[in-house]
Amino acid sequence: MKLFFLSILAALTLPAVASAATVSFTAPSGAYTVDRPVTVSVYLNTGADPVNAATINVAYDPLAADITAPSRAGSSFNVWIAEPRVVDGTVFFEGASTAPFTGTGKIGEFTLTPKHAGTVTVTTGADTVAYRADGSGTPLPVTGIPLALDVSGAAPVAPPVQTTDNTPPESVTLDVGSDGRGGYLAAWSVSDSGSGYDHAEISVDGGAFRLAQSPYALGNTLPESVTIRVYDRAGNSRDFTWRRRAGFRVDASTALASTIVLLLILILIARRLLWRKTKRT
């Protein structure tokens, strides 16, 4: 166990390597006015390096704008350490992918609402890093390309629109595979464009549903079926079931890939815990 955590620490402390990896932001063209929301998309360009995980922290001035509704809609990542969130002037995106990508991939998006006229800027925050898909999760330094919006005076106030979300989460993916240590994991991702994803419950081999978070440890026996029930914030739910195929087995290459993804997930969790500890001190 000690060796395992030392390997994580080693991955976190590898020396920086020069790279052309960048994070950039896009917003719809047109005029930007006070109190009018703007959707900002976040993109990662890996240069020539294949990447399968990243921690993207987006910094902004809370006195200049509000940022809400961070989302992974359209993301190149399909495994998430935690849902995108906003904490103390930073937007956090922490994800991984079972299929490495090279070049430009979308990470997520958020809604920015200017508070006053002037220039509103978003850029990458501290501890933004990508991880190479090289079998070791080597850190890939990332440079931010800031987005500056020129904001004019207040926009006309429109009457509030009352909406009711009666639609369950529209997109659910569920994967089951080896954790690389003789056990099995279930990992899933959910997209809900209405009230937003809230939580999930899991049932293994037809058993009772219980509250769960992705990734979920299934133990040392591969189940015949895994069902997740995902809920949005309005209480709508959808079930999605994975069933074991006849002759299904986890070969060495699949186990290695699962192990790498699991290690990257643990690295990202460790970095987040270290960031929180530093923030408190």
Foldseek 3Di string as FASTA:
>chain_A
DVVLVVLLVCLVPDDADDFPKAKEKDWDDDAAAAQDKIKIWIKIARAAFWFFWWKWKKAWDVVFKDKDDWQQVQFPFWFFLDGFDDDDRITIQTGGHLDTDHGMTTRTIIMIGTHAFAKTKMWTDPPTWTFGPPLSRHTHDYGIDMDIHGYDYHDDDDDDDDDDDPDWFDDKDWDKDALLPQWIWITMDTHHPPQAWDFKWKDFQPHDTDTDDPTDTPGNDDTQKMKMWTGGPNGDIDIDMDGDDVVDDQDPVNSSSNNSNNSSSVSSVVVVVVVVVVVVD
